[in-house]
């Protein structure tokens, strides 16, 4: 399973009823620090809570980073996270 699908699966399991859009934006970082743009290292995540959110945006950001800890250890470099209530 590629990293994008893995991230989508993790978010879907942990944020039931919310909609998540995951986009691989790694290619935008080609040439940065000798990166060739071939690996899945940078992602943009937009989560729509469908007004079911009782948590703060900061809490959701922290939870996402914790859920993706293993991915960071395996080469994920950066996330851009946007929460829509």
PDB file of N, CA and C in Angstrom:
ATOM      1  N   UNK A   1       0.856  -1.180   0.000  1.00  0.00           N
ATOM      2  CA  UNK A   1       0.000   0.000   0.000  1.00  0.00           C
ATOM      3  C   UNK A   1       0.899   1.239   0.000  1.00  0.00           C
ATOM      4  N   UNK A   2       0.591   2.186  -0.885  1.00  0.00           N
ATOM      5  CA  UNK A   2       1.409   3.396  -0.902  1.00  0.00           C
ATOM      6  C   UNK A   2       1.074   4.281   0.303  1.00  0.00           C
ATOM      7  N   UNK A   3       1.935   5.236   0.560  1.00  0.00           N
ATOM      8  CA  UNK A   3       1.787   6.063   1.760  1.00  0.00           C
ATOM      9  C   UNK A   3       0.483   6.865   1.747  1.00  0.00           C
ATOM     10  N   UNK A   4       0.070   7.387   0.602  1.00  0.00           N
ATOM     11  CA  UNK A   4      -1.173   8.166   0.521  1.00  0.00           C
ATOM     12  C   UNK A   4      -2.360   7.314   0.957  1.00  0.00           C
ATOM     13  N   UNK A   5      -2.456   6.106   0.433  1.00  0.00           N
ATOM     14  CA  UNK A   5      -3.567   5.219   0.792  1.00  0.00           C
ATOM     15  C   UNK A   5      -3.504   4.829   2.267  1.00  0.00           C
ATOM     16  N   UNK A   6      -2.293   4.638   2.772  1.00  0.00           N
ATOM     17  CA  UNK A   6      -2.125   4.287   4.180  1.00  0.00           C
ATOM     18  C   UNK A   6      -2.609   5.429   5.083  1.00  0.00           C
ATOM     19  N   UNK A   7      -2.237   6.655   4.735  1.00  0.00           N
ATOM     20  CA  UNK A   7      -2.679   7.815   5.514  1.00  0.00           C
ATOM     21  C   UNK A   7      -4.198   7.937   5.461  1.00  0.00           C
ATOM     22  N   UNK A   8      -4.777   7.780   4.275  1.00  0.00           N
ATOM     23  CA  UNK A   8      -6.239   7.841   4.138  1.00  0.00           C
ATOM     24  C   UNK A   8      -6.905   6.793   5.020  1.00  0.00           C
ATOM     25  N   UNK A   9      -6.362   5.594   5.037  1.00  0.00           N
ATOM     26  CA  UNK A   9      -6.920   4.507   5.840  1.00  0.00           C
ATOM     27  C   UNK A   9      -6.844   4.820   7.334  1.00  0.00           C
ATOM     28  N   UNK A  10      -5.709   5.320   7.782  1.00  0.00           N
ATOM     29  CA  UNK A  10      -5.531   5.671   9.195  1.00  0.00           C
ATOM     30  C   UNK A  10      -6.519   6.758   9.609  1.00  0.00           C
ATOM     31  N   UNK A  11      -6.668   7.786   8.788  1.00  0.00           N
ATOM     32  CA  UNK A  11      -7.590   8.878   9.114  1.00  0.00           C
ATOM     33  C   UNK A  11      -9.037   8.403   9.118  1.00  0.00           C
ATOM     34  N   UNK A  12      -9.387   7.576   8.147  1.00  0.00           N
ATOM     35  CA  UNK A  12     -10.761   7.072   8.055  1.00  0.00           C
ATOM     36  C   UNK A  12     -11.131   6.247   9.291  1.00  0.00           C
ATOM     37  N   UNK A  13     -10.198   5.430   9.769  1.00  0.00           N
ATOM     38  CA  UNK A  13     -10.445   4.585  10.945  1.00  0.00           C
ATOM     39  C   UNK A  13     -10.568   5.393  12.227  1.00  0.00           C
ATOM     40  N   UNK A  14      -9.849   6.497  12.303  1.00  0.00           N
ATOM     41  CA  UNK A  14      -9.776   7.248  13.553  1.00  0.00           C
ATOM     42  C   UNK A  14     -10.657   8.487  13.622  1.00  0.00           C
ATOM     43  N   UNK A  15     -11.193   8.902  12.494  1.00  0.00           N
ATOM     44  CA  UNK A  15     -12.064  10.074  12.468  1.00  0.00           C
ATOM     45  C   UNK A  15     -13.363   9.702  11.758  1.00  0.00           C
ATOM     46  N   UNK A  16     -14.132   8.838  12.383  1.00  0.00           N
ATOM     47  CA  UNK A  16     -15.380   8.346  11.791  1.00  0.00           C
ATOM     48  C   UNK A  16     -16.363   9.487  11.561  1.00  0.00           C
ATOM     49  N   UNK A  17     -16.969   9.500  10.392  1.00  0.00           N
ATOM     50  CA  UNK A  17     -17.958  10.519  10.063  1.00  0.00           C
ATOM     51  C   UNK A  17     -17.362  11.806   9.521  1.00  0.00           C
ATOM     52  N   UNK A  18     -16.050  11.906   9.552  1.00  0.00           N
ATOM     53  CA  UNK A  18     -15.379  13.081   9.017  1.00  0.00           C
ATOM     54  C   UNK A  18     -14.889  12.755   7.618  1.00  0.00           C
ATOM     55  N   UNK A  19     -14.752  13.767   6.795  1.00  0.00           N
ATOM     56  CA  UNK A  19     -14.232  13.581   5.439  1.00  0.00           C
ATOM     57  C   UNK A  19     -12.791  14.072   5.398  1.00  0.00           C
ATOM     58  N   UNK A  20     -11.916  13.246   4.834  1.00  0.00           N
ATOM     59  CA  UNK A  20     -10.506  13.626   4.726  1.00  0.00           C
ATOM     60  C   UNK A  20     -10.059  13.540   3.273  1.00  0.00           C
ATOM     61  N   UNK A  21      -9.389  14.581   2.825  1.00  0.00           N
ATOM     62  CA  UNK A  21      -8.789  14.595   1.491  1.00  0.00           C
ATOM     63  C   UNK A  21      -7.278  14.648   1.699  1.00  0.00           C
ATOM     64  N   UNK A  22      -6.600  13.646   1.157  1.00  0.00           N
ATOM     65  CA  UNK A  22      -5.150  13.558   1.299  1.00  0.00           C
ATOM     66  C   UNK A  22      -4.527  13.733  -0.080  1.00  0.00           C
ATOM     67  N   UNK A  23      -3.585  14.653  -0.178  1.00  0.00           N
ATOM     68  CA  UNK A  23      -2.948  14.927  -1.467  1.00  0.00           C
ATOM     69  C   UNK A  23      -1.431  14.859  -1.298  1.00  0.00           C
ATOM     70  N   UNK A  24      -0.785  14.106  -2.182  1.00  0.00           N
ATOM     71  CA  UNK A  24       0.674  14.018  -2.190  1.00  0.00           C
ATOM     72  C   UNK A  24       1.219  15.252  -2.911  1.00  0.00           C
ATOM     73  N   UNK A  25       1.912  16.101  -2.177  1.00  0.00           N
ATOM     74  CA  UNK A  25       2.477  17.320  -2.759  1.00  0.00           C
ATOM     75  C   UNK A  25       4.009  17.263  -2.788  1.00  0.00           C
ATOM     76  N   UNK A  26       4.546  16.062  -2.745  1.00  0.00           N
ATOM     77  CA  UNK A  26       6.000  15.874  -2.702  1.00  0.00           C
ATOM     78  C   UNK A  26       6.703  16.510  -3.888  1.00  0.00           C
ATOM     79  N   UNK A  27       6.115  16.415  -5.061  1.00  0.00           N
ATOM     80  CA  UNK A  27       6.746  16.936  -6.276  1.00  0.00           C
ATOM     81  C   UNK A  27       7.026  18.441  -6.177  1.00  0.00           C
ATOM     82  N   UNK A  28       6.239  19.141  -5.375  1.00  0.00           N
ATOM     83  CA  UNK A  28       6.445  20.584  -5.201  1.00  0.00           C
ATOM     84  C   UNK A  28       7.767  20.891  -4.504  1.00  0.00           C
ATOM     85  N   UNK A  29       8.368  19.878  -3.897  1.00  0.00           N
ATOM     86  CA  UNK A  29       9.607  20.067  -3.145  1.00  0.00           C
ATOM     87  C   UNK A  29      10.821  19.517  -3.883  1.00  0.00           C
ATOM     88  N   UNK A  30      10.644  19.196  -5.151  1.00  0.00           N
ATOM     89  CA  UNK A  30      11.748  18.695  -5.973  1.00  0.00           C
ATOM     90  C   UNK A  30      12.879  19.724  -5.991  1.00  0.00           C
ATOM     91  N   UNK A  31      14.086  19.254  -5.769  1.00  0.00           N
ATOM     92  CA  UNK A  31      15.243  20.134  -5.744  1.00  0.00           C
ATOM     93  C   UNK A  31      15.564  20.687  -4.369  1.00  0.00           C
ATOM     94  N   UNK A  32      14.625  20.608  -3.437  1.00  0.00           N
ATOM     95  CA  UNK A  32      14.857  21.090  -2.083  1.00  0.00           C
ATOM     96  C   UNK A  32      15.733  20.090  -1.337  1.00  0.00           C
ATOM     97  N   UNK A  33      16.863  20.538  -0.886  1.00  0.00           N
ATOM     98  CA  UNK A  33      17.757  19.693  -0.097  1.00  0.00           C
ATOM     99  C   UNK A  33      18.073  18.374  -0.807  1.00  0.00           C
ATOM    100  N   UNK A  34      18.323  18.453  -2.117  1.00  0.00           N
ATOM    101  CA  UNK A  34      18.664  17.303  -2.966  1.00  0.00           C
ATOM    102  C   UNK A  34      17.527  16.297  -3.131  1.00  0.00           C
ATOM    103  N   UNK A  35      16.299  16.680  -2.858  1.00  0.00           N
ATOM    104  CA  UNK A  35      15.160  15.775  -3.019  1.00  0.00           C
ATOM    105  C   UNK A  35      14.799  15.683  -4.499  1.00  0.00           C
ATOM    106  N   UNK A  36      14.580  14.464  -4.988  1.00  0.00           N
ATOM    107  CA  UNK A  36      14.310  14.259  -6.416  1.00  0.00           C
ATOM    108  C   UNK A  36      12.819  14.213  -6.765  1.00  0.00           C
ATOM    109  N   UNK A  37      11.939  14.277  -5.768  1.00  0.00           N
ATOM    110  CA  UNK A  37      10.500  14.300  -6.033  1.00  0.00           C
ATOM    111  C   UNK A  37       9.887  12.938  -6.269  1.00  0.00           C
ATOM    112  N   UNK A  38      10.646  11.861  -6.057  1.00  0.00           N
ATOM    113  CA  UNK A  38      10.145  10.521  -6.368  1.00  0.00           C
ATOM    114  C   UNK A  38       9.488   9.805  -5.186  1.00  0.00           C
ATOM    115  N   UNK A  39       9.764  10.209  -3.983  1.00  0.00           N
ATOM    116  CA  UNK A  39       9.193   9.534  -2.811  1.00  0.00           C
ATOM    117  C   UNK A  39       8.021  10.322  -2.244  1.00  0.00           C
ATOM    118  N   UNK A  40       7.138   9.627  -1.558  1.00  0.00           N
ATOM    119  CA  UNK A  40       5.975  10.265  -0.929  1.00  0.00           C
ATOM    120  C   UNK A  40       6.396  10.805   0.439  1.00  0.00           C
ATOM    121  N   UNK A  41       6.783  12.065   0.471  1.00  0.00           N
ATOM    122  CA  UNK A  41       7.320  12.644   1.703  1.00  0.00           C
ATOM    123  C   UNK A  41       6.549  13.852   2.227  1.00  0.00           C
ATOM    124  N   UNK A  42       5.789  14.514   1.371  1.00  0.00           N
ATOM    125  CA  UNK A  42       5.069  15.733   1.745  1.00  0.00           C
ATOM    126  C   UNK A  42       3.592  15.573   1.379  1.00  0.00           C
ATOM    127  N   UNK A  43       2.713  15.855   2.340  1.00  0.00           N
ATOM    128  CA  UNK A  43       1.281  15.693   2.099  1.00  0.00           C
ATOM    129  C   UNK A  43       0.490  16.884   2.611  1.00  0.00           C
ATOM    130  N   UNK A  44      -0.612  17.122   1.928  1.00  0.00           N
ATOM    131  CA  UNK A  44      -1.605  18.100   2.348  1.00  0.00           C
ATOM    132  C   UNK A  44      -2.841  17.309   2.764  1.00  0.00           C
ATOM    133  N   UNK A  45      -3.372  17.620   3.939  1.00  0.00           N
ATOM    134  CA  UNK A  45      -4.563  16.938   4.446  1.00  0.00           C
ATOM    135  C   UNK A  45      -5.612  17.992   4.774  1.00  0.00           C
ATOM    136  N   UNK A  46      -6.802  17.810   4.221  1.00  0.00           N
ATOM    137  CA  UNK A  46      -7.942  18.663   4.568  1.00  0.00           C
ATOM    138  C   UNK A  46      -8.977  17.761   5.212  1.00  0.00           C
ATOM    139  N   UNK A  47      -9.386  18.113   6.421  1.00  0.00           N
ATOM    140  CA  UNK A  47     -10.385  17.323   7.137  1.00  0.00           C
ATOM    141  C   UNK A  47     -11.611  18.187   7.383  1.00  0.00           C
ATOM    142  N   UNK A  48     -12.759  17.683   6.963  1.00  0.00           N
ATOM    143  CA  UNK A  48     -14.040  18.334   7.225  1.00  0.00           C
ATOM    144  C   UNK A  48     -14.721  17.534   8.321  1.00  0.00           C
ATOM    145  N   UNK A  49     -14.924  18.162   9.465  1.00  0.00           N
ATOM    146  CA  UNK A  49     -15.515  17.466  10.611  1.00  0.00           C
ATOM    147  C   UNK A  49     -17.035  17.363  10.509  1.00  0.00           C
ATOM    148  N   UNK A  50     -17.618  17.964   9.472  1.00  0.00           N
ATOM    149  CA  UNK A  50     -19.075  17.954   9.299  1.00  0.00           C
ATOM    150  C   UNK A  50     -19.797  18.458  10.541  1.00  0.00           C
ATOM    151  N   UNK A  51     -19.204  19.466  11.172  1.00  0.00           N
ATOM    152  CA  UNK A  51     -19.770  20.073  12.383  1.00  0.00           C
ATOM    153  C   UNK A  51     -19.950  19.083  13.524  1.00  0.00           C
ATOM    154  N   UNK A  52     -19.181  17.999  13.522  1.00  0.00           N
ATOM    155  CA  UNK A  52     -19.243  17.011  14.602  1.00  0.00           C
ATOM    156  C   UNK A  52     -18.037  17.152  15.524  1.00  0.00           C
ATOM    157  N   UNK A  53     -17.344  18.264  15.423  1.00  0.00           N
ATOM    158  CA  UNK A  53     -16.096  18.453  16.144  1.00  0.00           C
ATOM    159  C   UNK A  53     -16.319  19.092  17.508  1.00  0.00           C
ATOM    160  N   UNK A  54     -15.876  18.407  18.537  1.00  0.00           N
ATOM    161  CA  UNK A  54     -15.890  18.966  19.888  1.00  0.00           C
ATOM    162  C   UNK A  54     -14.467  19.270  20.352  1.00  0.00           C
ATOM    163  N   UNK A  55     -13.479  18.867  19.537  1.00  0.00           N
ATOM    164  CA  UNK A  55     -12.078  19.065  19.879  1.00  0.00           C
ATOM    165  C   UNK A  55     -11.550  20.347  19.244  1.00  0.00           C
ATOM    166  N   UNK A  56     -10.499  20.884  19.834  1.00  0.00           N
ATOM    167  CA  UNK A  56      -9.853  22.058  19.238  1.00  0.00           C
ATOM    168  C   UNK A  56      -9.063  21.625  18.009  1.00  0.00           C
ATOM    169  N   UNK A  57      -8.801  22.578  17.135  1.00  0.00           N
ATOM    170  CA  UNK A  57      -8.003  22.281  15.942  1.00  0.00           C
ATOM    171  C   UNK A  57      -6.605  21.814  16.340  1.00  0.00           C
ATOM    172  N   UNK A  58      -6.051  22.414  17.371  1.00  0.00           N
ATOM    173  CA  UNK A  58      -4.729  22.016  17.845  1.00  0.00           C
ATOM    174  C   UNK A  58      -4.737  20.557  18.307  1.00  0.00           C
ATOM    175  N   UNK A  59      -5.767  20.169  19.021  1.00  0.00           N
ATOM    176  CA  UNK A  59      -5.895  18.785  19.480  1.00  0.00           C
ATOM    177  C   UNK A  59      -5.968  17.810  18.305  1.00  0.00           C
ATOM    178  N   UNK A  60      -6.691  18.184  17.268  1.00  0.00           N
ATOM    179  CA  UNK A  60      -6.803  17.332  16.076  1.00  0.00           C
ATOM    180  C   UNK A  60      -5.450  17.233  15.376  1.00  0.00           C
ATOM    181  N   UNK A  61      -4.742  18.343  15.256  1.00  0.00           N
ATOM    182  CA  UNK A  61      -3.403  18.335  14.652  1.00  0.00           C
ATOM    183  C   UNK A  61      -2.483  17.383  15.421  1.00  0.00           C
ATOM    184  N   UNK A  62      -2.510  17.491  16.740  1.00  0.00           N
ATOM    185  CA  UNK A  62      -1.661  16.625  17.571  1.00  0.00           C
ATOM    186  C   UNK A  62      -2.020  15.157  17.381  1.00  0.00           C
ATOM    187  N   UNK A  63      -3.315  14.871  17.322  1.00  0.00           N
ATOM    188  CA  UNK A  63      -3.763  13.492  17.144  1.00  0.00           C
ATOM    189  C   UNK A  63      -3.294  12.939  15.795  1.00  0.00           C
ATOM    190  N   UNK A  64      -3.421  13.732  14.749  1.00  0.00           N
ATOM    191  CA  UNK A  64      -2.978  13.293  13.416  1.00  0.00           C
ATOM    192  C   UNK A  64      -1.479  13.010  13.426  1.00  0.00           C
ATOM    193  N   UNK A  65      -0.701  13.905  14.006  1.00  0.00           N
ATOM    194  CA  UNK A  65       0.747  13.689  14.069  1.00  0.00           C
ATOM    195  C   UNK A  65       1.088  12.426  14.858  1.00  0.00           C
ATOM    196  N   UNK A  66       0.379  12.173  15.925  1.00  0.00           N
ATOM    197  CA  UNK A  66       0.610  10.954  16.712  1.00  0.00           C
ATOM    198  C   UNK A  66       0.219   9.711  15.915  1.00  0.00           C
ATOM    199  N   UNK A  67      -0.919   9.756  15.227  1.00  0.00           N
ATOM    200  CA  UNK A  67      -1.369   8.616  14.425  1.00  0.00           C
ATOM    201  C   UNK A  67      -0.390   8.291  13.297  1.00  0.00           C
ATOM    202  N   UNK A  68       0.289   9.302  12.788  1.00  0.00           N
ATOM    203  CA  UNK A  68       1.205   9.114  11.658  1.00  0.00           C
ATOM    204  C   UNK A  68       2.672   9.036  12.092  1.00  0.00           C
ATOM    205  N   UNK A  69       2.895   8.825  13.376  1.00  0.00           N
ATOM    206  CA  UNK A  69       4.251   8.751  13.918  1.00  0.00           C
ATOM    207  C   UNK A  69       5.113   7.710  13.196  1.00  0.00           C
ATOM    208  N   UNK A  70       4.555   6.535  12.948  1.00  0.00           N
ATOM    209  CA  UNK A  70       5.309   5.491  12.246  1.00  0.00           C
ATOM    210  C   UNK A  70       5.674   5.927  10.831  1.00  0.00           C
ATOM    211  N   UNK A  71       4.764   6.638  10.176  1.00  0.00           N
ATOM    212  CA  UNK A  71       5.046   7.132   8.823  1.00  0.00           C
ATOM    213  C   UNK A  71       6.189   8.148   8.842  1.00  0.00           C
ATOM    214  N   UNK A  72       6.207   9.009   9.855  1.00  0.00           N
ATOM    215  CA  UNK A  72       7.315   9.958   9.983  1.00  0.00           C
ATOM    216  C   UNK A  72       8.634   9.210  10.190  1.00  0.00           C
ATOM    217  N   UNK A  73       8.592   8.140  10.958  1.00  0.00           N
ATOM    218  CA  UNK A  73       9.802   7.344  11.187  1.00  0.00           C
ATOM    219  C   UNK A  73      10.266   6.614   9.928  1.00  0.00           C
ATOM    220  N   UNK A  74       9.360   6.446   8.957  1.00  0.00           N
ATOM    221  CA  UNK A  74       9.694   5.730   7.725  1.00  0.00           C
ATOM    222  C   UNK A  74       9.853   6.660   6.517  1.00  0.00           C
ATOM    223  N   UNK A  75      10.017   7.959   6.750  1.00  0.00           N
ATOM    224  CA  UNK A  75      10.336   8.850   5.644  1.00  0.00           C
ATOM    225  C   UNK A  75       9.357   9.970   5.350  1.00  0.00           C
ATOM    226  N   UNK A  76       8.185   9.965   5.983  1.00  0.00           N
ATOM    227  CA  UNK A  76       7.279  11.106   5.828  1.00  0.00           C
ATOM    228  C   UNK A  76       7.983  12.323   6.420  1.00  0.00           C
ATOM    229  N   UNK A  77       8.005  13.408   5.676  1.00  0.00           N
ATOM    230  CA  UNK A  77       8.771  14.575   6.113  1.00  0.00           C
ATOM    231  C   UNK A  77       7.889  15.724   6.604  1.00  0.00           C
ATOM    232  N   UNK A  78       6.747  15.958   5.921  1.00  0.00           N
ATOM    233  CA  UNK A  78       5.953  17.134   6.268  1.00  0.00           C
ATOM    234  C   UNK A  78       4.471  16.934   5.969  1.00  0.00           C
ATOM    235  N   UNK A  79       3.650  17.535   6.825  1.00  0.00           N
ATOM    236  CA  UNK A  79       2.196  17.558   6.633  1.00  0.00           C
ATOM    237  C   UNK A  79       1.720  19.000   6.669  1.00  0.00           C
ATOM    238  N   UNK A  80       0.802  19.312   5.786  1.00  0.00           N
ATOM    239  CA  UNK A  80       0.058  20.567   5.851  1.00  0.00           C
ATOM    240  C   UNK A  80      -1.362  20.132   6.191  1.00  0.00           C
ATOM    241  N   UNK A  81      -1.882  20.571   7.330  1.00  0.00           N
ATOM    242  CA  UNK A  81      -3.190  20.113   7.796  1.00  0.00           C
ATOM    243  C   UNK A  81      -4.140  21.298   7.885  1.00  0.00           C
ATOM    244  N   UNK A  82      -5.316  21.137   7.289  1.00  0.00           N
ATOM    245  CA  UNK A  82      -6.364  22.153   7.377  1.00  0.00           C
ATOM    246  C   UNK A  82      -7.610  21.470   7.929  1.00  0.00           C
ATOM    247  N   UNK A  83      -8.185  22.062   8.971  1.00  0.00           N
ATOM    248  CA  UNK A  83      -9.390  21.523   9.604  1.00  0.00           C
ATOM    249  C   UNK A  83     -10.554  22.454   9.280  1.00  0.00           C
ATOM    250  N   UNK A  84     -11.625  21.881   8.748  1.00  0.00           N
ATOM    251  CA  UNK A  84     -12.837  22.640   8.448  1.00  0.00           C
ATOM    252  C   UNK A  84     -13.939  22.124   9.357  1.00  0.00           C
ATOM    253  N   UNK A  85     -14.586  23.033  10.081  1.00  0.00           N
ATOM    254  CA  UNK A  85     -15.684  22.627  10.973  1.00  0.00           C
ATOM    255  C   UNK A  85     -17.016  22.791  10.302  1.00  0.00           C
TER     256      UNK A  85
END
